[in-house]
Protein backbone atom coordinates (compact mmCIF):
# COMPACT_ATOMS: atom_id res chain seq x y z
CA MET A 1 6.08 -19.36 -24.48
CA THR A 2 9.34 -18.85 -22.59
CA THR A 3 10.64 -15.37 -21.73
CA LEU A 4 14.26 -14.88 -20.70
CA LEU A 5 15.28 -11.70 -18.87
CA ARG A 6 18.96 -11.04 -18.14
CA ALA A 7 20.18 -8.43 -15.64
CA ARG A 8 23.40 -7.20 -14.14
CA ARG A 9 21.79 -7.62 -10.71
CA VAL A 10 18.68 -9.51 -9.60
CA LEU A 11 17.11 -8.96 -6.17
CA THR A 12 15.83 -12.02 -4.30
CA GLU A 13 14.78 -12.40 -0.67
CA GLN A 14 18.33 -13.51 0.08
CA GLY A 15 19.89 -10.43 -1.53
CA TRP A 16 21.36 -9.35 -4.85
CA LEU A 17 22.61 -11.84 -7.43
CA ASP A 18 25.09 -10.53 -10.00
CA ASP A 19 24.69 -11.41 -13.70
CA HIS A 20 21.65 -13.65 -13.39
CA GLN A 21 18.69 -14.36 -15.64
CA LEU A 22 15.04 -15.16 -15.03
CA ARG A 23 13.24 -17.79 -17.09
CA ILE A 24 9.47 -17.20 -17.25
CA GLU A 25 6.82 -19.63 -18.50
CA ASN A 26 3.03 -19.27 -18.28
CA GLU A 27 3.18 -16.15 -16.07
CA THR A 28 5.48 -17.93 -13.59
CA ILE A 29 9.19 -17.72 -12.77
CA VAL A 30 10.58 -21.19 -13.48
CA ALA A 31 14.32 -20.52 -13.03
CA ILE A 32 16.76 -17.95 -11.66
CA GLU A 33 20.22 -18.87 -12.88
CA PRO A 34 23.61 -17.40 -13.77
CA ILE A 35 23.89 -15.92 -17.23
CA PRO A 36 25.97 -18.27 -19.40
CA ALA A 37 29.57 -17.19 -19.90
CA GLY A 38 30.10 -15.15 -23.03
CA THR A 39 26.55 -13.74 -23.10
CA LEU A 40 27.04 -9.99 -23.37
CA THR A 41 23.48 -8.68 -23.72
CA ARG A 42 21.49 -7.51 -20.70
CA ASP A 43 17.79 -6.66 -20.60
CA ALA A 44 18.08 -4.61 -17.41
CA GLU A 45 20.57 -3.16 -14.97
CA LEU A 46 18.44 -4.23 -11.97
CA LEU A 47 15.53 -6.66 -11.78
CA CYS A 48 13.37 -6.64 -8.66
CA PRO A 49 9.83 -7.65 -7.70
CA ALA A 50 7.07 -5.35 -8.86
CA TYR A 51 5.75 -3.17 -6.06
CA ILE A 52 2.48 -3.64 -4.18
CA ASP A 53 0.56 -0.55 -3.02
CA ILE A 54 -1.99 -1.55 -0.38
CA HIS A 55 -3.40 1.96 0.22
CA VAL A 56 -4.54 3.95 -2.84
CA HIS A 57 -7.45 6.41 -3.05
CA GLY A 58 -6.85 7.74 -6.54
CA GLY A 59 -4.55 9.33 -9.08
CA ASP A 60 -4.40 10.61 -12.65
CA GLY A 61 -7.36 12.89 -11.86
CA VAL A 62 -9.78 10.15 -10.72
CA ASP A 63 -10.90 8.69 -7.38
CA VAL A 64 -11.73 5.15 -6.29
CA MET A 65 -15.07 6.50 -5.01
CA ASP A 66 -16.04 7.84 -8.46
CA ASP A 67 -19.15 5.99 -9.61
CA ASP A 68 -17.61 4.93 -12.92
CA PRO A 69 -16.24 1.43 -13.64
CA GLY A 70 -13.67 2.92 -16.01
CA VAL A 71 -11.91 4.62 -13.10
CA LEU A 72 -10.31 1.40 -11.85
CA GLU A 73 -9.03 0.61 -15.35
CA ARG A 74 -7.44 4.04 -15.56
CA LEU A 75 -5.93 3.76 -12.08
CA ALA A 76 -4.56 0.28 -12.78
CA ILE A 77 -2.58 1.62 -15.74
CA HIS A 78 -1.51 4.68 -13.71
CA LYS A 79 -0.19 2.46 -10.90
CA ALA A 80 1.70 0.20 -13.33
CA ARG A 81 3.59 3.27 -14.58
CA GLU A 82 5.09 3.66 -11.09
CA GLY A 83 6.20 0.03 -10.87
CA VAL A 84 3.13 -1.33 -9.06
CA GLY A 85 2.06 -4.83 -10.07
CA GLY A 86 -0.75 -5.18 -7.53
CA TRP A 87 -2.81 -2.73 -5.46
CA LEU A 88 -5.76 -2.29 -3.12
CA PRO A 89 -8.24 0.41 -4.18
CA THR A 90 -9.08 2.19 -0.93
CA THR A 91 -12.39 3.74 0.08
CA VAL A 92 -12.90 6.81 2.29
CA THR A 93 -15.46 7.80 4.89
CA ALA A 94 -18.70 8.31 2.95
CA PRO A 95 -22.38 7.34 3.13
CA LEU A 96 -22.64 3.57 3.45
CA ALA A 97 -24.40 3.21 0.09
CA ASP A 98 -21.47 4.93 -1.67
CA ILE A 99 -18.98 2.62 0.06
CA GLU A 100 -21.00 -0.44 -0.95
CA ARG A 101 -21.05 0.63 -4.60
CA ALA A 102 -17.28 1.18 -4.52
CA LEU A 103 -16.70 -2.28 -3.03
CA GLN A 104 -18.91 -3.79 -5.76
CA ARG A 105 -16.92 -2.06 -8.52
CA ILE A 106 -13.63 -3.21 -6.99
CA ALA A 107 -14.91 -6.80 -6.76
CA GLN A 108 -15.95 -6.73 -10.42
CA ARG A 109 -12.47 -5.56 -11.45
CA TYR A 110 -10.84 -8.17 -9.16
CA TYR A 111 -12.68 -11.05 -10.80
CA ARG A 112 -12.63 -9.66 -14.35
CA GLY A 113 -8.99 -8.57 -14.43
CA GLY A 114 -7.67 -6.20 -17.05
CA GLN A 115 -4.69 -4.12 -18.12
CA GLY A 116 -2.22 -2.58 -15.71
CA ALA A 117 -1.68 -3.39 -12.05
CA SER A 118 -3.78 -6.24 -10.67
CA VAL A 119 -6.49 -5.36 -8.15
CA LEU A 120 -5.78 -7.58 -5.14
CA GLY A 121 -8.95 -6.65 -3.24
CA SER A 122 -10.27 -3.62 -1.39
CA TYR A 123 -9.22 -1.59 1.66
CA LEU A 124 -11.91 0.04 3.81
CA GLU A 125 -10.56 3.26 5.36
CA GLY A 126 -13.49 4.68 7.32
CA PRO A 127 -16.13 5.21 8.56
CA TYR A 128 -15.15 3.48 11.85
CA PHE A 129 -13.01 6.28 13.26
CA THR A 130 -13.14 8.87 16.06
CA PRO A 131 -13.14 12.66 15.59
CA GLN A 132 -9.70 13.29 17.08
CA ASN A 133 -7.05 12.84 14.39
CA LYS A 134 -9.76 12.63 11.74
CA GLY A 135 -7.51 13.90 8.95
CA ALA A 136 -9.58 14.71 5.84
CA HIS A 137 -12.36 12.29 6.84
CA PRO A 138 -15.75 13.96 7.58
CA PRO A 139 -16.52 13.14 11.25
CA GLU A 140 -20.28 13.60 10.76
CA LEU A 141 -20.20 10.35 8.76
CA PHE A 142 -18.29 8.28 11.32
CA ARG A 143 -20.14 5.16 12.46
CA GLU A 144 -20.01 2.78 15.40
CA LEU A 145 -18.66 -0.70 14.82
CA ASP A 146 -21.33 -3.23 13.90
CA ILE A 147 -20.34 -6.82 13.10
CA ALA A 148 -23.49 -7.46 11.07
CA GLU A 149 -22.79 -4.33 9.02
CA LEU A 150 -19.20 -5.42 8.38
CA ASP A 151 -20.36 -8.89 7.38
CA ARG A 152 -22.67 -7.19 4.90
CA LEU A 153 -19.73 -5.21 3.46
CA ILE A 154 -17.70 -8.43 3.11
CA GLU A 155 -20.66 -9.96 1.28
CA VAL A 156 -21.05 -6.91 -0.98
CA SER A 157 -17.34 -7.14 -1.79
CA GLN A 158 -17.81 -10.79 -2.83
CA ASN A 159 -15.15 -11.70 -0.25
CA THR A 160 -12.55 -9.38 -1.78
CA LEU A 161 -12.40 -7.02 1.23
CA ARG A 162 -8.81 -7.45 2.42
CA VAL A 163 -8.28 -4.69 5.00
CA VAL A 164 -10.50 -2.76 7.41
CA ALA A 165 -9.15 0.30 9.22
CA LEU A 166 -10.70 1.31 12.55
CA ALA A 167 -10.09 3.26 15.75
CA PRO A 168 -9.28 0.76 18.52
CA GLU A 169 -10.83 2.84 21.33
CA LYS A 170 -14.33 2.51 19.86
CA PRO A 171 -16.85 0.36 21.77
CA THR A 172 -16.71 -3.34 20.75
CA ALA A 173 -13.45 -2.77 18.87
CA LEU A 174 -11.72 -5.83 20.33
CA GLU A 175 -14.67 -8.11 19.58
CA THR A 176 -14.86 -6.68 16.05
CA ILE A 177 -11.14 -7.21 15.45
CA LYS A 178 -11.41 -10.86 16.46
CA HIS A 179 -14.42 -11.33 14.18
CA LEU A 180 -12.75 -9.70 11.16
CA LYS A 181 -9.67 -11.84 11.67
CA SER A 182 -11.89 -14.93 11.72
CA ARG A 183 -13.14 -13.80 8.29
CA ASP A 184 -9.52 -13.50 7.04
CA VAL A 185 -9.70 -9.69 6.91
CA ARG A 186 -6.66 -7.67 8.03
CA VAL A 187 -7.28 -4.91 10.61
CA MET A 188 -5.27 -1.69 10.68
CA LEU A 189 -5.57 0.96 13.37
CA GLY A 190 -5.74 4.69 12.70
CA HIS A 191 -7.54 8.04 12.69
CA SER A 192 -7.73 7.56 16.40
CA ALA A 193 -6.90 9.01 19.82
CA ALA A 194 -6.13 5.58 21.31
CA SER A 195 -3.54 5.24 24.04
CA TYR A 196 -0.52 2.96 23.99
CA GLU A 197 -2.39 0.51 26.20
CA GLU A 198 -5.51 0.48 23.99
CA THR A 199 -3.36 -0.09 20.93
CA ILE A 200 -1.51 -3.02 22.51
CA MET A 201 -4.86 -4.54 23.51
CA ALA A 202 -5.95 -4.28 19.86
CA PHE A 203 -2.75 -6.04 18.73
CA ASP A 204 -3.46 -8.73 21.34
CA ALA A 205 -6.92 -9.15 19.78
CA GLY A 206 -5.32 -9.68 16.36
CA ALA A 207 -4.99 -6.22 14.78
CA ASP A 208 -2.27 -6.20 12.16
CA GLY A 209 -0.73 -2.73 12.38
CA LEU A 210 -1.06 1.02 11.95
CA VAL A 211 -2.61 3.05 9.13
CA HIS A 212 -0.04 5.53 7.73
CA CYS A 213 2.09 5.45 10.90
CA PHE A 214 2.60 8.84 12.62
CA ASN A 215 -0.32 10.41 10.74
CA GLY A 216 -3.83 10.42 12.20
CA MET A 217 -2.90 8.96 15.60
CA THR A 218 -1.47 9.70 19.03
CA GLY A 219 2.25 10.39 18.67
CA LEU A 220 5.30 9.25 20.55
CA HIS A 221 6.10 10.96 23.87
CA HIS A 222 8.65 9.71 26.37
CA ARG A 223 6.03 9.37 29.12
CA ASN A 224 3.09 8.57 26.85
CA PRO A 225 4.17 6.28 23.98
CA GLY A 226 0.79 6.52 22.21
CA MET A 227 -0.14 4.54 19.10
CA VAL A 228 3.19 5.31 17.44
CA GLY A 229 5.10 3.94 20.43
CA ALA A 230 2.99 0.79 20.40
CA GLY A 231 3.66 0.23 16.71
CA LEU A 232 7.40 0.89 16.89
CA SER A 233 7.89 -1.41 19.88
CA ASP A 234 5.55 -4.30 19.02
CA LYS A 235 7.05 -6.71 16.49
CA ARG A 236 3.57 -7.95 15.52
CA ALA A 237 2.65 -4.62 13.96
CA TRP A 238 2.92 -3.74 10.27
CA LEU A 239 3.58 -0.02 9.87
CA GLU A 240 2.30 1.76 6.77
CA LEU A 241 4.65 4.61 5.88
CA ILE A 242 4.09 7.53 3.49
CA ALA A 243 7.69 8.28 2.55
CA ASP A 244 7.16 11.59 0.75
CA GLY A 245 9.10 13.76 3.21
CA HIS A 246 5.94 15.79 3.99
CA HIS A 247 3.79 13.37 5.95
CA VAL A 248 6.86 12.11 7.82
CA HIS A 249 10.15 14.01 8.14
CA PRO A 250 13.13 12.15 6.63
CA ALA A 251 14.80 11.97 10.06
CA VAL A 252 11.70 10.26 11.47
CA MET A 253 11.62 7.90 8.49
CA ASN A 254 15.19 7.01 9.42
CA ILE A 255 14.22 6.41 13.07
CA CYS A 256 11.28 4.27 12.00
CA CYS A 257 13.49 2.15 9.76
CA HIS A 258 16.02 1.65 12.55
CA CYS A 259 13.32 0.58 15.01
CA ALA A 260 11.11 -1.51 12.76
CA LYS A 261 12.79 -2.18 9.41
CA SER A 262 11.17 -5.59 8.95
CA GLN A 263 7.68 -4.20 9.70
CA ILE A 264 7.46 -1.25 7.30
CA VAL A 265 5.03 -1.31 4.38
CA LEU A 266 5.53 1.58 1.99
CA ILE A 267 2.24 3.08 0.77
CA THR A 268 1.28 6.10 -1.26
CA ASP A 269 -2.13 7.01 0.25
CA ALA A 270 -2.40 8.73 -3.13
CA MET A 271 -5.48 10.74 -4.00
CA SER A 272 -6.85 11.97 -7.34
CA ALA A 273 -4.24 14.73 -7.72
CA ALA A 274 -1.37 12.23 -7.94
CA GLY A 275 0.29 12.61 -11.32
CA MET A 276 -1.61 15.85 -11.99
CA PRO A 277 -0.64 19.56 -11.99
CA ASP A 278 -1.13 21.86 -9.00
CA GLY A 279 -4.71 23.04 -8.57
CA ASP A 280 -8.03 22.40 -6.86
CA TYR A 281 -9.28 18.86 -6.26
CA SER A 282 -11.55 17.06 -3.78
CA ILE A 283 -11.30 14.23 -1.26
CA CYS A 284 -14.10 12.75 0.84
CA GLY A 285 -16.38 15.14 -1.04
CA HIS A 286 -14.55 18.22 0.30
CA PRO A 287 -12.39 20.69 -1.67
CA VAL A 288 -8.62 20.53 -1.30
CA THR A 289 -5.76 22.37 -2.99
CA MET A 290 -2.48 20.99 -4.29
CA GLN A 291 0.50 23.35 -4.26
CA ASN A 292 4.02 22.15 -5.08
CA GLY A 293 2.69 18.59 -5.03
CA ILE A 294 1.33 18.85 -1.46
CA VAL A 295 -2.44 18.53 -0.95
CA ARG A 296 -4.09 20.37 1.94
CA THR A 297 -7.59 21.02 3.22
CA GLY A 298 -8.91 24.56 3.68
CA SER A 299 -7.71 24.48 7.30
CA GLY A 300 -4.19 23.53 6.23
CA GLY A 301 -4.20 19.83 7.09
CA LEU A 302 -2.64 17.23 4.82
CA ALA A 303 -5.22 15.41 2.66
CA GLY A 304 -3.72 12.28 1.15
CA SER A 305 -0.59 12.40 -0.96
CA THR A 306 0.55 12.67 -4.56
CA LEU A 307 3.36 10.19 -3.98
CA SER A 308 4.23 7.37 -6.38
CA LEU A 309 5.52 4.12 -4.89
CA ASP A 310 8.72 4.11 -6.93
CA ALA A 311 9.45 7.61 -5.60
CA ALA A 312 8.81 6.36 -2.05
CA VAL A 313 11.51 3.71 -2.54
CA ARG A 314 13.97 6.30 -3.84
CA ASN A 315 13.13 8.71 -1.01
CA LEU A 316 13.97 6.12 1.63
CA VAL A 317 17.30 5.44 -0.06
CA ASN A 318 18.25 9.05 -0.78
CA SER A 319 16.78 10.82 2.27
CA ALA A 320 16.63 8.24 5.05
CA GLY A 321 19.79 6.21 4.44
CA VAL A 322 17.98 2.91 3.78
CA THR A 323 19.61 0.39 1.44
CA ALA A 324 17.97 -0.17 -1.94
CA GLU A 325 17.44 -3.83 -1.02
CA ASP A 326 15.53 -2.95 2.17
CA ALA A 327 13.50 -0.16 0.55
CA ILE A 328 12.40 -2.44 -2.30
CA HIS A 329 11.38 -5.16 0.18
CA MET A 330 9.25 -2.57 2.01
CA ALA A 331 7.37 -1.93 -1.23
CA SER A 332 7.04 -5.55 -2.34
CA LEU A 333 7.79 -8.42 0.04
CA HIS A 334 6.41 -6.75 3.17
CA PRO A 335 2.99 -5.84 1.71
CA ALA A 336 2.75 -9.34 0.22
CA LYS A 337 3.42 -10.84 3.66
CA MET A 338 0.96 -8.49 5.33
CA LEU A 339 -1.78 -9.59 2.90
CA GLY A 340 -0.82 -13.27 3.12
CA LEU A 341 0.08 -13.33 -0.59
CA ASP A 342 3.81 -13.96 -0.27
CA ASN A 343 3.44 -17.52 -1.56
CA SER A 344 2.87 -16.06 -5.03
CA LEU A 345 3.87 -12.37 -4.91
CA GLY A 346 6.36 -9.98 -3.35
CA SER A 347 9.72 -11.45 -4.34
CA LEU A 348 11.54 -13.06 -7.24
CA ALA A 349 11.57 -16.80 -6.63
CA VAL A 350 10.93 -19.97 -8.59
CA GLY A 351 7.22 -20.75 -8.60
CA LYS A 352 6.09 -17.19 -7.94
CA ARG A 353 4.14 -14.99 -10.31
CA ALA A 354 6.32 -13.10 -12.80
CA ASN A 355 5.60 -9.57 -11.57
CA LEU A 356 8.85 -7.65 -11.80
CA ASN A 357 10.43 -4.28 -12.43
CA ALA A 358 13.49 -3.30 -14.41
CA LEU A 359 15.26 -0.35 -12.74
CA ASN A 360 18.29 1.70 -13.59
CA PRO A 361 21.04 2.25 -10.97
CA GLN A 362 19.15 5.33 -9.67
CA LEU A 363 16.09 3.08 -9.06
CA LEU A 364 14.09 4.75 -11.82
CA LEU A 365 11.58 2.46 -13.50
CA GLN A 366 12.53 1.29 -16.98
CA ASN A 367 10.07 -1.56 -17.58
CA ILE A 368 7.48 -3.60 -15.70
CA TRP A 369 6.16 -7.10 -16.32
CA ILE A 370 2.84 -8.18 -14.81
CA ASN A 371 1.96 -11.87 -14.99
CA GLY A 372 4.92 -12.28 -17.30
CA GLN A 373 3.69 -9.70 -19.80
CA ALA A 374 5.52 -6.45 -20.50
CA VAL A 375 3.39 -3.36 -19.81
CA LEU A 376 3.77 -0.35 -22.10
CA LEU A 377 4.74 2.65 -19.97
């Protein structure tokens, strides 16, 4: 079956194309071409690639760590409603047995498939952190790096573990980074007190970037650049960014985009309260409270976000002065490149999977197609 989608503007890696149409066959884009003269109907104002959220803990009242296989189904539909075509369910610091069960559930969903956003693998955030800049992670459950243990987690995940986050100042961190890279696992650095020099050494060993840049790490100082300075100045580093205006001030989002526009990967870091009313929730097994959409621990620290990825794109455009083209790439092409999936995902191009969003001129989601199929919002 052939699907034809016509739009006033279509976003490709090369930029916007006016009055073009996409021809889709068997879940794949087979042509991007001008709309024939005299054709007045349009299916969308703007067509762009569906977003990819690489860092998601929960939403719609449920958590990736919940021991219920139905949770991932519910989250997949929840993510699709914010324009996400693919995502990485993300674990938190917890007892190792709980993490293993979560990785098993994610692997089952990965291989089985289902409705909503496609699970692209799993993201291990914790327990390989240090107590400074711990965020909402319980430090009593932090563990030392152990290559055999990580190999076991890769095995438990049925080789669907895509990203491991760790603190680069931990003993054997550099050896562990090299090993994970040899297993085709991405390594992100965070929840750490590492210095600029330690962070650069980790990048030299193959680490891919920073977990939610600016949050949970040593900040930028003019005589001590810290982890943030290493990420902003090293072109090898992918920088996760929570663009909700709370985790990172809009002015700092603007600075980050000026320094490292091609390296930014928009994430939500969303937890179970995303899409829910204000009230009491939990993260990492500890109570947190959401007020005015901001989630905090009892001590007042931020505890994940309630951000949606389509809102993150709009926030960069409206609050940080980023072009719509660049903001959309940060939520689609950049995460696809970071995961090594840009041969099939992340942009609208002939031969790529037909994952795409229809947006209005204000960048609000109107429709989403995943694998060429329209998803009911």
